[in-house]
C-alpha cells in the first residue's frame, strides 16, 4: 500500500495528518516514490535520507552553481541565465532564457522560442521552439535518468574547462538504486 493510499484510508478518522493534501513525487537521488504534503518546500528522502527540494524552481535573473535540483519542475525565464554543472528536475525543465550545463529530467525538456541551451540532455522527451539554439551534447532522448544517475557524481564529471561527459562516461557512473 502506497503512502498516499494509507493516508487516504485513515482520512475518515481523527488523524489530522491524514487530512493534509498530498502529492506524489520521486527522489532525484535514488528514484524512490514518495508522498509529500503539497505545502512542503524541502525535506529528506525516506529511502536514501538525502536532502530534497520539493517546490518548483524559477530562475528569474542569474543562477550559477554545481547542482540545480527539484522534485518539481525548473523554469528558466526569459532574459535569465543558468550556469549549473547539472540541472535535475523530476517533472521537467522549461528554458526560455539561457542554460549552460547537463540536464537530467524525468519529464519533458522544452527549449522555448529564441532560448539557448548549451549542454547535454537526458530526458523522456524534448521540444524546441522557433529560433532555439542548442549546442553540445550528449543527447539521450527518450530515457529516464532519475534515480539511475547520481547528480553529484555527474557534477564532478562536468568540471570547469572540461567538455561535457560522453555517454560512455555517463554509463560508467555508479547506479544508486
N, C-alpha and C. Protein backbone atom coordinates (compact mmCIF):
# COMPACT_ATOMS: atom_id res chain seq x y z
N UNK A 1 0.85 -1.17 0.00
CA UNK A 1 0.00 0.00 0.00
C UNK A 1 0.90 1.23 0.00
N UNK A 2 0.64 2.16 -0.90
CA UNK A 2 1.48 3.35 -1.01
C UNK A 2 1.20 4.30 0.15
N UNK A 3 2.07 5.28 0.31
CA UNK A 3 1.91 6.28 1.37
C UNK A 3 0.62 7.05 1.17
N UNK A 4 0.33 7.43 -0.09
CA UNK A 4 -0.89 8.19 -0.35
C UNK A 4 -2.14 7.36 -0.07
N UNK A 5 -2.11 6.07 -0.41
CA UNK A 5 -3.27 5.21 -0.19
C UNK A 5 -3.49 4.98 1.30
N UNK A 6 -2.40 4.80 2.08
CA UNK A 6 -2.57 4.57 3.51
C UNK A 6 -3.11 5.81 4.20
N UNK A 7 -2.68 6.98 3.77
CA UNK A 7 -3.23 8.22 4.37
C UNK A 7 -4.68 8.41 3.98
N UNK A 8 -5.02 8.05 2.75
CA UNK A 8 -6.41 8.17 2.31
C UNK A 8 -7.30 7.21 3.09
N UNK A 9 -6.77 6.03 3.44
CA UNK A 9 -7.54 5.06 4.21
C UNK A 9 -7.82 5.58 5.61
N UNK A 10 -6.88 6.36 6.17
CA UNK A 10 -7.07 6.92 7.51
C UNK A 10 -7.85 8.22 7.49
N UNK A 11 -8.16 8.76 6.33
CA UNK A 11 -8.78 10.09 6.22
C UNK A 11 -10.13 10.16 6.92
N UNK A 12 -10.82 9.05 7.04
CA UNK A 12 -12.12 9.06 7.68
C UNK A 12 -12.03 9.23 9.18
N UNK A 13 -10.86 9.00 9.78
CA UNK A 13 -10.69 9.07 11.23
C UNK A 13 -10.36 10.47 11.70
N UNK A 14 -9.82 10.55 12.93
CA UNK A 14 -9.50 11.83 13.55
C UNK A 14 -8.05 12.25 13.33
N UNK A 15 -7.32 11.53 12.50
CA UNK A 15 -5.92 11.81 12.29
C UNK A 15 -5.75 13.11 11.50
N UNK A 16 -5.19 14.19 12.12
CA UNK A 16 -5.02 15.46 11.39
C UNK A 16 -4.01 15.35 10.25
N UNK A 17 -3.04 14.43 10.36
CA UNK A 17 -2.07 14.26 9.29
C UNK A 17 -2.74 13.70 8.05
N UNK A 18 -3.76 12.87 8.22
CA UNK A 18 -4.45 12.26 7.09
C UNK A 18 -5.22 13.28 6.27
N UNK A 19 -5.57 14.42 6.86
CA UNK A 19 -6.34 15.44 6.14
C UNK A 19 -5.47 16.42 5.34
N UNK A 20 -4.16 16.32 5.48
CA UNK A 20 -3.25 17.19 4.74
C UNK A 20 -3.24 16.74 3.27
N UNK A 21 -3.47 17.66 2.33
CA UNK A 21 -3.41 17.27 0.91
C UNK A 21 -2.00 16.82 0.54
N UNK A 22 -1.94 15.72 -0.18
CA UNK A 22 -0.65 15.12 -0.53
C UNK A 22 -0.46 15.12 -2.05
N UNK A 23 0.80 15.01 -2.46
CA UNK A 23 1.12 14.82 -3.88
C UNK A 23 2.22 13.78 -3.99
N UNK A 24 2.20 13.06 -5.09
CA UNK A 24 3.20 12.03 -5.33
C UNK A 24 4.41 12.66 -6.02
N UNK A 25 5.60 12.22 -5.63
CA UNK A 25 6.82 12.70 -6.26
C UNK A 25 7.88 11.59 -6.17
N UNK A 26 9.05 11.87 -6.73
CA UNK A 26 10.17 10.93 -6.69
C UNK A 26 11.41 11.65 -6.19
N UNK A 27 12.29 10.89 -5.56
CA UNK A 27 13.58 11.41 -5.12
C UNK A 27 14.48 11.51 -6.35
N UNK A 28 15.15 12.65 -6.52
CA UNK A 28 16.04 12.79 -7.68
C UNK A 28 17.41 12.17 -7.43
N UNK A 29 17.65 11.66 -6.23
CA UNK A 29 18.90 10.95 -5.95
C UNK A 29 18.76 9.46 -6.22
N UNK A 30 17.73 8.84 -5.61
CA UNK A 30 17.60 7.37 -5.71
C UNK A 30 16.39 6.92 -6.53
N UNK A 31 15.48 7.82 -6.86
CA UNK A 31 14.32 7.46 -7.67
C UNK A 31 13.16 6.89 -6.89
N UNK A 32 13.22 6.89 -5.56
CA UNK A 32 12.15 6.32 -4.73
C UNK A 32 10.88 7.17 -4.83
N UNK A 33 9.73 6.49 -4.97
CA UNK A 33 8.44 7.19 -4.97
C UNK A 33 8.06 7.52 -3.53
N UNK A 34 7.44 8.68 -3.36
CA UNK A 34 7.01 9.08 -2.02
C UNK A 34 5.85 10.06 -2.12
N UNK A 35 5.15 10.20 -1.05
CA UNK A 35 4.07 11.18 -0.96
C UNK A 35 4.49 12.28 0.00
N UNK A 36 4.30 13.53 -0.39
CA UNK A 36 4.65 14.66 0.46
C UNK A 36 3.48 15.64 0.47
N UNK A 37 3.43 16.46 1.48
CA UNK A 37 2.40 17.49 1.56
C UNK A 37 2.55 18.47 0.40
N UNK A 38 1.43 18.97 -0.09
CA UNK A 38 1.50 19.95 -1.18
C UNK A 38 2.13 21.26 -0.70
N UNK A 39 2.21 21.46 0.61
CA UNK A 39 2.79 22.68 1.17
C UNK A 39 4.28 22.55 1.47
N UNK A 40 4.83 21.33 1.37
CA UNK A 40 6.24 21.10 1.70
C UNK A 40 7.15 21.76 0.67
N UNK A 41 8.17 22.45 1.16
CA UNK A 41 9.17 23.08 0.29
C UNK A 41 10.43 22.22 0.19
N UNK A 42 10.88 21.70 1.34
CA UNK A 42 12.07 20.86 1.39
C UNK A 42 11.82 19.70 2.33
N UNK A 43 12.70 18.72 2.28
CA UNK A 43 12.60 17.56 3.16
C UNK A 43 13.71 16.59 2.85
N UNK A 44 13.57 15.38 3.35
CA UNK A 44 14.56 14.34 3.08
C UNK A 44 13.86 13.12 2.50
N UNK A 45 14.62 12.36 1.74
CA UNK A 45 14.10 11.13 1.16
C UNK A 45 14.00 10.08 2.26
N UNK A 46 12.92 9.33 2.26
CA UNK A 46 12.72 8.29 3.27
C UNK A 46 13.59 7.06 3.01
N UNK A 47 14.14 6.94 1.80
CA UNK A 47 14.94 5.76 1.45
C UNK A 47 16.44 6.06 1.59
N UNK A 48 16.92 7.10 0.88
CA UNK A 48 18.36 7.39 0.89
C UNK A 48 18.74 8.48 1.90
N UNK A 49 17.75 9.14 2.54
CA UNK A 49 17.97 10.14 3.59
C UNK A 49 18.78 11.35 3.13
N UNK A 50 18.69 11.69 1.84
CA UNK A 50 19.39 12.86 1.33
C UNK A 50 18.42 14.02 1.24
N UNK A 51 18.90 15.25 1.33
CA UNK A 51 18.00 16.42 1.28
C UNK A 51 17.38 16.61 -0.11
N UNK A 52 16.12 17.05 -0.12
CA UNK A 52 15.38 17.26 -1.37
C UNK A 52 14.70 18.62 -1.36
N UNK A 53 14.50 19.19 -2.55
CA UNK A 53 13.69 20.39 -2.74
C UNK A 53 12.43 19.95 -3.47
N UNK A 54 11.26 20.14 -2.84
CA UNK A 54 10.00 19.69 -3.43
C UNK A 54 9.36 20.76 -4.32
N UNK A 55 9.61 22.02 -4.02
CA UNK A 55 8.94 23.09 -4.76
C UNK A 55 9.54 23.27 -6.16
N UNK A 56 8.74 23.88 -7.04
CA UNK A 56 9.23 24.21 -8.37
C UNK A 56 10.27 25.32 -8.24
N UNK A 57 11.25 25.32 -9.13
CA UNK A 57 12.33 26.31 -9.10
C UNK A 57 12.18 27.23 -10.30
N UNK A 58 12.22 28.55 -10.06
CA UNK A 58 12.18 29.55 -11.13
C UNK A 58 13.45 30.37 -11.07
N UNK A 59 14.17 30.40 -12.18
CA UNK A 59 15.36 31.24 -12.28
C UNK A 59 14.92 32.51 -13.00
N UNK A 60 14.95 33.64 -12.27
CA UNK A 60 14.46 34.89 -12.84
C UNK A 60 15.57 35.78 -13.39
N UNK A 61 16.77 35.67 -12.83
CA UNK A 61 17.87 36.52 -13.30
C UNK A 61 19.08 35.66 -13.63
N UNK A 62 19.92 35.36 -12.63
CA UNK A 62 21.12 34.57 -12.87
C UNK A 62 21.24 33.52 -11.77
N UNK A 63 21.59 32.31 -12.16
CA UNK A 63 21.90 31.25 -11.21
C UNK A 63 23.18 30.59 -11.66
N UNK A 64 24.12 30.40 -10.76
CA UNK A 64 25.29 29.61 -11.09
C UNK A 64 25.61 28.75 -9.88
N UNK A 65 26.08 27.56 -10.17
CA UNK A 65 26.40 26.64 -9.08
C UNK A 65 26.61 25.23 -9.62
N UNK A 66 26.78 24.30 -8.70
CA UNK A 66 27.06 22.92 -9.08
C UNK A 66 25.84 22.18 -9.56
N UNK A 67 24.83 22.02 -8.67
CA UNK A 67 23.64 21.24 -8.99
C UNK A 67 22.41 22.09 -8.72
N UNK A 68 21.56 22.25 -9.72
CA UNK A 68 20.26 22.91 -9.60
C UNK A 68 19.24 21.79 -9.65
N UNK A 69 18.53 21.53 -8.53
CA UNK A 69 17.69 20.34 -8.47
C UNK A 69 16.33 20.62 -7.85
N UNK A 70 15.31 19.87 -8.31
CA UNK A 70 13.96 19.99 -7.77
C UNK A 70 13.18 18.70 -8.04
N UNK A 71 12.34 18.32 -7.08
CA UNK A 71 11.41 17.21 -7.29
C UNK A 71 10.25 17.68 -8.17
N UNK A 72 10.11 18.97 -8.36
CA UNK A 72 9.09 19.53 -9.23
C UNK A 72 9.70 19.85 -10.59
N UNK A 73 9.36 21.02 -11.10
CA UNK A 73 9.89 21.44 -12.40
C UNK A 73 10.82 22.63 -12.22
N UNK A 74 11.62 22.88 -13.25
CA UNK A 74 12.54 24.01 -13.25
C UNK A 74 12.21 24.89 -14.44
N UNK A 75 12.06 26.18 -14.20
CA UNK A 75 11.76 27.16 -15.25
C UNK A 75 12.86 28.21 -15.27
N UNK A 76 13.49 28.37 -16.43
CA UNK A 76 14.48 29.43 -16.62
C UNK A 76 13.80 30.47 -17.49
N UNK A 77 13.45 31.60 -16.89
CA UNK A 77 12.64 32.60 -17.57
C UNK A 77 13.41 33.35 -18.65
N UNK A 78 12.65 34.09 -19.47
CA UNK A 78 13.26 34.94 -20.50
C UNK A 78 14.22 35.91 -19.83
N UNK A 79 15.31 36.21 -20.51
CA UNK A 79 16.36 37.11 -20.02
C UNK A 79 17.05 36.59 -18.77
N UNK A 80 16.82 35.35 -18.39
CA UNK A 80 17.51 34.74 -17.25
C UNK A 80 18.60 33.82 -17.78
N UNK A 81 19.61 33.58 -16.94
CA UNK A 81 20.70 32.71 -17.34
C UNK A 81 21.04 31.77 -16.20
N UNK A 82 21.15 30.49 -16.52
CA UNK A 82 21.50 29.48 -15.54
C UNK A 82 22.80 28.82 -15.98
N UNK A 83 23.78 28.84 -15.08
CA UNK A 83 25.04 28.17 -15.34
C UNK A 83 25.21 27.16 -14.21
N UNK A 84 24.81 25.94 -14.47
CA UNK A 84 24.89 24.87 -13.47
C UNK A 84 25.53 23.65 -14.11
N UNK A 85 26.41 23.01 -13.39
CA UNK A 85 27.04 21.81 -13.94
C UNK A 85 25.98 20.78 -14.29
N UNK A 86 25.01 20.58 -13.38
CA UNK A 86 23.93 19.63 -13.60
C UNK A 86 22.62 20.24 -13.13
N UNK A 87 21.60 20.11 -13.96
CA UNK A 87 20.24 20.57 -13.65
C UNK A 87 19.36 19.32 -13.60
N UNK A 88 18.76 19.03 -12.43
CA UNK A 88 17.96 17.82 -12.24
C UNK A 88 16.54 18.21 -11.86
N UNK A 89 15.55 17.75 -12.63
CA UNK A 89 14.15 18.01 -12.33
C UNK A 89 13.34 16.76 -12.58
N UNK A 90 12.51 16.39 -11.63
CA UNK A 90 11.70 15.19 -11.77
C UNK A 90 10.56 15.41 -12.75
N UNK A 91 9.94 16.60 -12.72
CA UNK A 91 8.76 16.85 -13.56
C UNK A 91 9.06 17.53 -14.89
N UNK A 92 10.26 18.03 -15.10
CA UNK A 92 10.59 18.63 -16.39
C UNK A 92 11.31 19.96 -16.26
N UNK A 93 11.88 20.41 -17.38
CA UNK A 93 12.64 21.66 -17.44
C UNK A 93 12.12 22.48 -18.61
N UNK A 94 11.89 23.77 -18.37
CA UNK A 94 11.50 24.70 -19.44
C UNK A 94 12.53 25.81 -19.49
N UNK A 95 13.13 26.00 -20.66
CA UNK A 95 14.16 27.03 -20.83
C UNK A 95 13.60 28.09 -21.77
N UNK A 96 13.44 29.29 -21.25
CA UNK A 96 13.01 30.42 -22.07
C UNK A 96 14.16 31.42 -22.24
N UNK A 97 15.18 31.32 -21.39
CA UNK A 97 16.37 32.18 -21.46
C UNK A 97 17.57 31.39 -21.93
N UNK A 98 18.62 31.29 -21.07
CA UNK A 98 19.83 30.56 -21.41
C UNK A 98 20.17 29.57 -20.31
N UNK A 99 20.66 28.40 -20.71
CA UNK A 99 21.13 27.42 -19.73
C UNK A 99 22.42 26.79 -20.25
N UNK A 100 23.43 26.71 -19.38
CA UNK A 100 24.69 26.04 -19.68
C UNK A 100 24.85 24.89 -18.71
N UNK A 101 24.94 23.67 -19.22
CA UNK A 101 25.18 22.51 -18.36
C UNK A 101 24.35 21.31 -18.77
N UNK A 102 24.57 20.22 -18.07
CA UNK A 102 23.89 18.95 -18.32
C UNK A 102 22.51 18.96 -17.67
N UNK A 103 21.50 18.46 -18.37
CA UNK A 103 20.14 18.38 -17.84
C UNK A 103 19.75 16.92 -17.70
N UNK A 104 19.34 16.53 -16.48
CA UNK A 104 18.79 15.22 -16.19
C UNK A 104 17.34 15.45 -15.80
N UNK A 105 16.39 14.96 -16.60
CA UNK A 105 14.99 15.27 -16.34
C UNK A 105 14.13 14.01 -16.41
N UNK A 106 13.16 13.93 -15.51
CA UNK A 106 12.19 12.85 -15.53
C UNK A 106 10.96 13.21 -16.32
N UNK A 107 10.87 14.45 -16.78
CA UNK A 107 9.75 14.94 -17.58
C UNK A 107 10.27 15.59 -18.85
N UNK A 108 9.39 16.25 -19.58
CA UNK A 108 9.83 16.85 -20.84
C UNK A 108 10.77 18.04 -20.64
N UNK A 109 11.69 18.21 -21.58
CA UNK A 109 12.56 19.38 -21.62
C UNK A 109 12.09 20.23 -22.78
N UNK A 110 11.73 21.48 -22.49
CA UNK A 110 11.24 22.39 -23.53
C UNK A 110 12.21 23.56 -23.65
N UNK A 111 12.67 23.79 -24.88
CA UNK A 111 13.54 24.93 -25.17
C UNK A 111 12.69 25.90 -25.97
N UNK A 112 12.36 27.05 -25.38
CA UNK A 112 11.41 27.99 -25.98
C UNK A 112 11.96 28.76 -27.15
N UNK A 113 11.12 29.61 -27.72
CA UNK A 113 11.48 30.45 -28.86
C UNK A 113 12.66 31.35 -28.49
N UNK A 114 13.73 31.27 -29.26
CA UNK A 114 14.89 32.12 -29.05
C UNK A 114 15.73 31.76 -27.83
N UNK A 115 15.42 30.67 -27.15
CA UNK A 115 16.18 30.26 -25.97
C UNK A 115 17.50 29.60 -26.39
N UNK A 116 18.45 29.53 -25.45
CA UNK A 116 19.76 28.96 -25.73
C UNK A 116 20.04 27.84 -24.73
N UNK A 117 20.40 26.68 -25.23
CA UNK A 117 20.80 25.54 -24.40
C UNK A 117 22.18 25.11 -24.83
N UNK A 118 23.14 25.20 -23.91
CA UNK A 118 24.49 24.72 -24.17
C UNK A 118 24.75 23.58 -23.19
N UNK A 119 24.74 22.36 -23.70
CA UNK A 119 24.97 21.23 -22.82
C UNK A 119 24.21 20.01 -23.30
N UNK A 120 24.22 18.98 -22.49
CA UNK A 120 23.57 17.73 -22.83
C UNK A 120 22.23 17.59 -22.15
N UNK A 121 21.43 16.65 -22.68
CA UNK A 121 20.10 16.39 -22.13
C UNK A 121 19.87 14.89 -22.07
N UNK A 122 19.42 14.41 -20.93
CA UNK A 122 18.93 13.05 -20.77
C UNK A 122 17.51 13.20 -20.24
N UNK A 123 16.51 12.87 -21.06
CA UNK A 123 15.11 13.11 -20.70
C UNK A 123 14.19 12.20 -21.51
N UNK A 124 12.93 12.03 -21.06
CA UNK A 124 11.98 11.21 -21.82
C UNK A 124 11.53 11.86 -23.13
N UNK A 125 11.47 13.19 -23.16
CA UNK A 125 11.11 13.87 -24.41
C UNK A 125 11.68 15.28 -24.41
N UNK A 126 11.78 15.84 -25.62
CA UNK A 126 12.36 17.16 -25.79
C UNK A 126 11.62 17.90 -26.89
N UNK A 127 11.40 19.22 -26.70
CA UNK A 127 10.71 20.03 -27.70
C UNK A 127 11.45 21.35 -27.86
N UNK A 128 11.43 21.88 -29.10
CA UNK A 128 12.15 23.11 -29.41
C UNK A 128 11.20 24.13 -30.00
N UNK A 129 11.40 25.40 -29.62
CA UNK A 129 10.64 26.50 -30.22
C UNK A 129 11.39 27.07 -31.41
N UNK A 130 10.75 28.02 -32.07
CA UNK A 130 11.37 28.67 -33.23
C UNK A 130 12.58 29.47 -32.80
N UNK A 131 13.66 29.31 -33.52
CA UNK A 131 14.87 30.07 -33.25
C UNK A 131 15.66 29.61 -32.04
N UNK A 132 15.33 28.46 -31.48
CA UNK A 132 16.07 27.94 -30.33
C UNK A 132 17.48 27.52 -30.76
N UNK A 133 18.45 27.81 -29.91
CA UNK A 133 19.84 27.46 -30.18
C UNK A 133 20.23 26.34 -29.23
N UNK A 134 20.68 25.21 -29.78
CA UNK A 134 21.08 24.06 -28.97
C UNK A 134 22.48 23.66 -29.38
N UNK A 135 23.40 23.65 -28.42
CA UNK A 135 24.78 23.29 -28.67
C UNK A 135 25.22 22.26 -27.64
N UNK A 136 26.15 21.41 -28.01
CA UNK A 136 26.74 20.49 -27.05
C UNK A 136 26.25 19.07 -27.20
N UNK A 137 26.13 18.39 -26.11
CA UNK A 137 25.74 17.01 -26.06
C UNK A 137 26.33 16.39 -24.82
N UNK A 138 26.06 15.18 -24.48
CA UNK A 138 25.29 14.19 -25.22
C UNK A 138 23.80 14.40 -25.07
N UNK A 139 23.04 13.93 -26.05
CA UNK A 139 21.59 13.97 -26.01
C UNK A 139 21.09 12.54 -26.02
N UNK A 140 20.33 12.18 -25.02
CA UNK A 140 19.75 10.85 -24.96
C UNK A 140 18.26 10.99 -24.67
N UNK A 141 17.48 10.90 -25.72
CA UNK A 141 16.03 11.05 -25.63
C UNK A 141 15.42 9.92 -26.45
N UNK A 142 14.55 9.11 -25.99
CA UNK A 142 13.96 9.08 -24.65
C UNK A 142 14.78 8.24 -23.67
N UNK A 143 14.83 8.70 -22.45
CA UNK A 143 15.39 7.93 -21.34
C UNK A 143 14.92 8.59 -20.04
N UNK A 144 15.00 7.87 -18.95
CA UNK A 144 14.61 8.41 -17.65
C UNK A 144 15.79 8.26 -16.69
N UNK A 145 16.60 9.32 -16.53
CA UNK A 145 17.80 9.21 -15.70
C UNK A 145 17.55 9.37 -14.20
N UNK A 146 16.33 9.74 -13.79
CA UNK A 146 16.06 9.99 -12.38
C UNK A 146 16.20 8.68 -11.60
N UNK A 147 17.08 8.68 -10.62
CA UNK A 147 17.33 7.50 -9.81
C UNK A 147 18.36 6.56 -10.41
N UNK A 148 18.75 6.78 -11.65
CA UNK A 148 19.73 5.91 -12.31
C UNK A 148 21.12 6.54 -12.34
N UNK A 149 21.16 7.87 -12.43
CA UNK A 149 22.43 8.59 -12.44
C UNK A 149 22.54 9.46 -11.20
N UNK A 150 23.69 9.48 -10.59
CA UNK A 150 23.93 10.27 -9.40
C UNK A 150 24.22 11.71 -9.81
N UNK A 151 23.36 12.69 -9.46
CA UNK A 151 23.58 14.09 -9.87
C UNK A 151 24.89 14.67 -9.33
N UNK A 152 25.28 14.30 -8.11
CA UNK A 152 26.52 14.83 -7.54
C UNK A 152 27.75 14.29 -8.28
N UNK A 153 27.70 13.03 -8.67
CA UNK A 153 28.80 12.43 -9.44
C UNK A 153 28.86 13.05 -10.83
N UNK A 154 27.69 13.29 -11.43
CA UNK A 154 27.66 13.93 -12.75
C UNK A 154 28.24 15.34 -12.67
N UNK A 155 27.99 16.05 -11.57
CA UNK A 155 28.54 17.41 -11.41
C UNK A 155 30.06 17.37 -11.33
N UNK A 156 30.61 16.32 -10.73
CA UNK A 156 32.07 16.19 -10.68
C UNK A 156 32.66 15.93 -12.06
N UNK A 157 31.92 15.19 -12.90
CA UNK A 157 32.40 14.93 -14.26
C UNK A 157 32.41 16.20 -15.11
N UNK A 158 31.49 17.11 -14.82
CA UNK A 158 31.38 18.35 -15.58
C UNK A 158 32.18 19.41 -14.84
N UNK A 159 33.48 19.40 -15.01
CA UNK A 159 34.32 20.37 -14.32
C UNK A 159 34.64 21.54 -15.24
N UNK A 160 35.10 22.61 -14.64
CA UNK A 160 35.40 23.83 -15.39
C UNK A 160 36.49 23.57 -16.43
N UNK A 161 36.23 23.99 -17.66
CA UNK A 161 37.20 23.84 -18.73
C UNK A 161 37.19 22.47 -19.38
N UNK A 162 36.39 21.56 -18.89
CA UNK A 162 36.32 20.21 -19.44
C UNK A 162 35.01 20.07 -20.20
N UNK A 163 35.03 19.39 -21.34
CA UNK A 163 33.78 19.22 -22.07
C UNK A 163 32.81 18.33 -21.30
N UNK A 164 31.54 18.39 -21.68
CA UNK A 164 30.53 17.57 -21.02
C UNK A 164 30.88 16.09 -21.17
N UNK A 165 30.45 15.27 -20.20
CA UNK A 165 30.78 13.84 -20.28
C UNK A 165 30.12 13.18 -21.48
N UNK A 166 30.81 12.17 -22.01
CA UNK A 166 30.25 11.40 -23.11
C UNK A 166 29.24 10.39 -22.55
N UNK A 167 28.48 9.77 -23.44
CA UNK A 167 27.53 8.75 -22.99
C UNK A 167 28.25 7.59 -22.32
N UNK A 168 29.45 7.24 -22.79
CA UNK A 168 30.21 6.16 -22.16
C UNK A 168 30.58 6.52 -20.73
N UNK A 169 30.99 7.77 -20.50
CA UNK A 169 31.33 8.20 -19.13
C UNK A 169 30.08 8.19 -18.25
N UNK A 170 28.95 8.62 -18.80
CA UNK A 170 27.71 8.60 -18.01
C UNK A 170 27.28 7.17 -17.69
N UNK A 171 27.48 6.25 -18.62
CA UNK A 171 27.13 4.85 -18.37
C UNK A 171 28.00 4.23 -17.28
N UNK A 172 29.22 4.70 -17.13
CA UNK A 172 30.13 4.14 -16.14
C UNK A 172 29.88 4.68 -14.74
N UNK A 173 29.03 5.71 -14.63
CA UNK A 173 28.71 6.25 -13.30
C UNK A 173 27.97 5.20 -12.49
N UNK A 174 28.25 5.12 -11.20
CA UNK A 174 27.59 4.10 -10.37
C UNK A 174 26.10 4.38 -10.25
N UNK A 175 25.31 3.31 -10.30
CA UNK A 175 23.87 3.41 -10.08
C UNK A 175 23.61 3.47 -8.58
N UNK A 176 22.61 4.21 -8.21
CA UNK A 176 22.28 4.35 -6.79
C UNK A 176 21.30 3.28 -6.36
N UNK A 177 20.38 2.93 -7.25
CA UNK A 177 19.30 2.00 -6.89
C UNK A 177 19.87 0.70 -6.49
